[in-house]
Amino acid sequence: MKKLISCSLGASLALGISITAFAGDGNVNGPTGNISAAPSEVRADTALSNGVVRKVDRPSGMITIEHGALENVGMPPMTMAYKAKDAAVLQQAKEGEKVKFRLENLNGTYTITTLKKR
């Protein structure tokens, strides 16, 4: 009986270590490796990327932004035009201004959902 308990405990510990190692590798909830962390616990500023507005095309609803890597959509640094989510986002954009923004892939279209001055 002692051997069975010992083996079960050993297997449980090995399994626990494996789960912990897996959770810390490539976890979408953040760099902490805490799989119980809810996305709402992530600070809002960490979800925003830095960029510079290069062009605002109000008739088409597009904003061109020069930016670094966008981790949340897997995009490398570049300058590209993106659709503004709504008129409020479009009105906040001014050419040459440094901004913090959130880009999301909404139904196959990269869309700026949040835009703030830096």
C-alpha atoms as a PDB file:
ATOM      1  CA  MET A   1       0.000   0.000   0.000  1.00  0.00           C
ATOM      2  CA  LYS A   2       2.823   2.381   0.796  1.00  0.00           C
ATOM      3  CA  LYS A   3       4.335   1.841  -2.653  1.00  0.00           C
ATOM      4  CA  LEU A   4       1.049   2.645  -4.355  1.00  0.00           C
ATOM      5  CA  ILE A   5       0.640   5.885  -2.412  1.00  0.00           C
ATOM      6  CA  SER A   6       4.267   6.784  -3.075  1.00  0.00           C
ATOM      7  CA  CYS A   7       3.851   6.181  -6.810  1.00  0.00           C
ATOM      8  CA  SER A   8       0.604   8.136  -6.915  1.00  0.00           C
ATOM      9  CA  LEU A   9       2.167  11.034  -5.051  1.00  0.00           C
ATOM     10  CA  GLY A  10       5.204  10.933  -7.329  1.00  0.00           C
ATOM     11  CA  ALA A  11       3.015  10.894 -10.436  1.00  0.00           C
ATOM     12  CA  SER A  12       0.937  13.770  -9.072  1.00  0.00           C
ATOM     13  CA  LEU A  13       4.034  15.824  -8.382  1.00  0.00           C
ATOM     14  CA  ALA A  14       5.436  15.084 -11.830  1.00  0.00           C
ATOM     15  CA  LEU A  15       2.124  16.032 -13.414  1.00  0.00           C
ATOM     16  CA  GLY A  16       1.961  19.234 -11.353  1.00  0.00           C
ATOM     17  CA  ILE A  17       5.448  20.234 -12.482  1.00  0.00           C
ATOM     18  CA  SER A  18       4.570  19.536 -16.105  1.00  0.00           C
ATOM     19  CA  ILE A  19       1.437  21.674 -15.910  1.00  0.00           C
ATOM     20  CA  THR A  20       3.342  24.528 -14.284  1.00  0.00           C
ATOM     21  CA  ALA A  21       6.090  24.384 -16.921  1.00  0.00           C
ATOM     22  CA  PHE A  22       3.515  24.332 -19.732  1.00  0.00           C
ATOM     23  CA  ALA A  23       1.492  27.222 -18.281  1.00  0.00           C
ATOM     24  CA  GLY A  24       4.560  29.476 -18.223  1.00  0.00           C
ATOM     25  CA  ASP A  25       5.387  28.828 -21.867  1.00  0.00           C
ATOM     26  CA  GLY A  26       3.339  30.707 -24.454  1.00  0.00           C
ATOM     27  CA  ASN A  27       0.492  31.554 -22.105  1.00  0.00           C
ATOM     28  CA  VAL A  28      -1.908  34.029 -23.709  1.00  0.00           C
ATOM     29  CA  ASN A  29      -2.866  35.489 -20.334  1.00  0.00           C
ATOM     30  CA  GLY A  30       0.458  37.238 -19.902  1.00  0.00           C
ATOM     31  CA  PRO A  31       4.089  36.743 -19.009  1.00  0.00           C
ATOM     32  CA  THR A  32       3.349  35.621 -15.445  1.00  0.00           C
ATOM     33  CA  GLY A  33       2.408  32.105 -16.503  1.00  0.00           C
ATOM     34  CA  ASN A  34      -0.676  32.339 -14.280  1.00  0.00           C
ATOM     35  CA  ILE A  35      -3.376  30.520 -16.209  1.00  0.00           C
ATOM     36  CA  SER A  36      -6.056  31.719 -13.784  1.00  0.00           C
ATOM     37  CA  ALA A  37      -5.415  35.404 -14.554  1.00  0.00           C
ATOM     38  CA  ALA A  38      -8.422  36.943 -16.252  1.00  0.00           C
ATOM     39  CA  PRO A  39      -7.798  39.245 -19.241  1.00  0.00           C
ATOM     40  CA  SER A  40      -9.510  42.047 -17.292  1.00  0.00           C
ATOM     41  CA  GLU A  41      -6.615  41.946 -14.807  1.00  0.00           C
ATOM     42  CA  VAL A  42      -4.197  43.133 -17.507  1.00  0.00           C
ATOM     43  CA  ARG A  43      -3.609  46.898 -17.297  1.00  0.00           C
ATOM     44  CA  ALA A  44      -5.223  48.845 -20.131  1.00  0.00           C
ATOM     45  CA  ASP A  45      -1.912  50.570 -21.012  1.00  0.00           C
ATOM     46  CA  THR A  46      -0.244  47.217 -21.744  1.00  0.00           C
ATOM     47  CA  ALA A  47      -2.858  46.569 -24.434  1.00  0.00           C
ATOM     48  CA  LEU A  48      -1.992  49.797 -26.270  1.00  0.00           C
ATOM     49  CA  SER A  49       0.833  50.192 -28.780  1.00  0.00           C
ATOM     50  CA  ASN A  50       2.871  53.298 -29.601  1.00  0.00           C
ATOM     51  CA  GLY A  51       2.673  54.913 -32.999  1.00  0.00           C
ATOM     52  CA  VAL A  52       2.766  58.130 -35.001  1.00  0.00           C
ATOM     53  CA  VAL A  53      -0.180  59.223 -37.135  1.00  0.00           C
ATOM     54  CA  ARG A  54       1.113  59.804 -40.675  1.00  0.00           C
ATOM     55  CA  LYS A  55      -2.175  60.447 -42.498  1.00  0.00           C
ATOM     56  CA  VAL A  56      -5.870  60.814 -41.710  1.00  0.00           C
ATOM     57  CA  ASP A  57      -8.323  60.132 -44.541  1.00  0.00           C
ATOM     58  CA  ARG A  58     -11.697  61.039 -43.053  1.00  0.00           C
ATOM     59  CA  PRO A  59     -13.808  60.326 -46.186  1.00  0.00           C
ATOM     60  CA  SER A  60     -12.576  56.720 -46.300  1.00  0.00           C
ATOM     61  CA  GLY A  61     -12.389  56.304 -42.494  1.00  0.00           C
ATOM     62  CA  MET A  62      -8.709  55.307 -42.648  1.00  0.00           C
ATOM     63  CA  ILE A  63      -5.766  56.325 -40.438  1.00  0.00           C
ATOM     64  CA  THR A  64      -2.171  55.639 -41.483  1.00  0.00           C
ATOM     65  CA  ILE A  65       0.054  54.878 -38.494  1.00  0.00           C
ATOM     66  CA  GLU A  66       3.780  54.203 -38.245  1.00  0.00           C
ATOM     67  CA  HIS A  67       4.236  51.704 -35.428  1.00  0.00           C
ATOM     68  CA  GLY A  68       6.450  49.106 -33.814  1.00  0.00           C
ATOM     69  CA  ALA A  69       5.557  45.431 -33.505  1.00  0.00           C
ATOM     70  CA  LEU A  70       1.913  44.786 -32.586  1.00  0.00           C
ATOM     71  CA  GLU A  71       2.061  41.670 -30.425  1.00  0.00           C
ATOM     72  CA  ASN A  72      -1.705  41.218 -30.095  1.00  0.00           C
ATOM     73  CA  VAL A  73      -2.170  40.758 -33.867  1.00  0.00           C
ATOM     74  CA  GLY A  74       1.287  39.358 -34.668  1.00  0.00           C
ATOM     75  CA  MET A  75       2.304  42.268 -36.902  1.00  0.00           C
ATOM     76  CA  PRO A  76       5.896  43.481 -37.381  1.00  0.00           C
ATOM     77  CA  PRO A  77       6.857  47.185 -37.306  1.00  0.00           C
ATOM     78  CA  MET A  78       5.529  49.076 -40.334  1.00  0.00           C
ATOM     79  CA  THR A  79       3.573  52.056 -41.613  1.00  0.00           C
ATOM     80  CA  MET A  80       0.085  51.113 -42.776  1.00  0.00           C
ATOM     81  CA  ALA A  81      -3.444  52.489 -43.175  1.00  0.00           C
ATOM     82  CA  TYR A  82      -6.070  50.981 -40.890  1.00  0.00           C
ATOM     83  CA  LYS A  83      -9.832  51.383 -40.643  1.00  0.00           C
ATOM     84  CA  ALA A  84     -11.055  53.511 -37.715  1.00  0.00           C
ATOM     85  CA  LYS A  85     -13.697  51.772 -35.599  1.00  0.00           C
ATOM     86  CA  ASP A  86     -15.924  54.835 -35.549  1.00  0.00           C
ATOM     87  CA  ALA A  87     -16.074  58.605 -36.098  1.00  0.00           C
ATOM     88  CA  ALA A  88     -14.847  59.308 -32.543  1.00  0.00           C
ATOM     89  CA  VAL A  89     -11.574  57.441 -33.180  1.00  0.00           C
ATOM     90  CA  LEU A  90     -11.206  59.188 -36.543  1.00  0.00           C
ATOM     91  CA  GLN A  91     -11.731  62.648 -35.020  1.00  0.00           C
ATOM     92  CA  GLN A  92      -9.011  62.056 -32.390  1.00  0.00           C
ATOM     93  CA  ALA A  93      -6.338  61.411 -35.034  1.00  0.00           C
ATOM     94  CA  LYS A  94      -4.096  64.279 -36.105  1.00  0.00           C
ATOM     95  CA  GLU A  95      -1.218  63.949 -38.569  1.00  0.00           C
ATOM     96  CA  GLY A  96       2.225  63.949 -36.953  1.00  0.00           C
ATOM     97  CA  GLU A  97       0.859  63.225 -33.488  1.00  0.00           C
ATOM     98  CA  LYS A  98       2.345  60.518 -31.253  1.00  0.00           C
ATOM     99  CA  VAL A  99      -0.389  58.160 -30.109  1.00  0.00           C
ATOM    100  CA  LYS A 100      -1.161  55.014 -28.153  1.00  0.00           C
ATOM    101  CA  PHE A 101      -3.604  52.785 -29.977  1.00  0.00           C
ATOM    102  CA  ARG A 102      -5.217  49.384 -30.030  1.00  0.00           C
ATOM    103  CA  LEU A 103      -5.458  47.476 -33.301  1.00  0.00           C
ATOM    104  CA  GLU A 104      -7.739  44.455 -33.559  1.00  0.00           C
ATOM    105  CA  ASN A 105      -8.657  42.086 -36.351  1.00  0.00           C
ATOM    106  CA  LEU A 106     -12.433  42.512 -36.582  1.00  0.00           C
ATOM    107  CA  ASN A 107     -14.029  40.168 -39.105  1.00  0.00           C
ATOM    108  CA  GLY A 108     -10.852  40.070 -41.195  1.00  0.00           C
ATOM    109  CA  THR A 109     -10.241  43.851 -41.164  1.00  0.00           C
ATOM    110  CA  TYR A 110      -7.496  45.435 -39.062  1.00  0.00           C
ATOM    111  CA  THR A 111      -9.350  48.129 -37.140  1.00  0.00           C
ATOM    112  CA  ILE A 112      -8.181  50.834 -34.717  1.00  0.00           C
ATOM    113  CA  THR A 113     -10.518  50.444 -31.756  1.00  0.00           C
ATOM    114  CA  THR A 114      -8.801  52.886 -29.360  1.00  0.00           C
ATOM    115  CA  LEU A 115      -6.622  55.929 -30.035  1.00  0.00           C
ATOM    116  CA  LYS A 116      -5.145  58.321 -27.415  1.00  0.00           C
ATOM    117  CA  LYS A 117      -2.495  61.051 -27.428  1.00  0.00           C
ATOM    118  CA  ARG A 118       0.813  60.041 -25.841  1.00  0.00           C
END
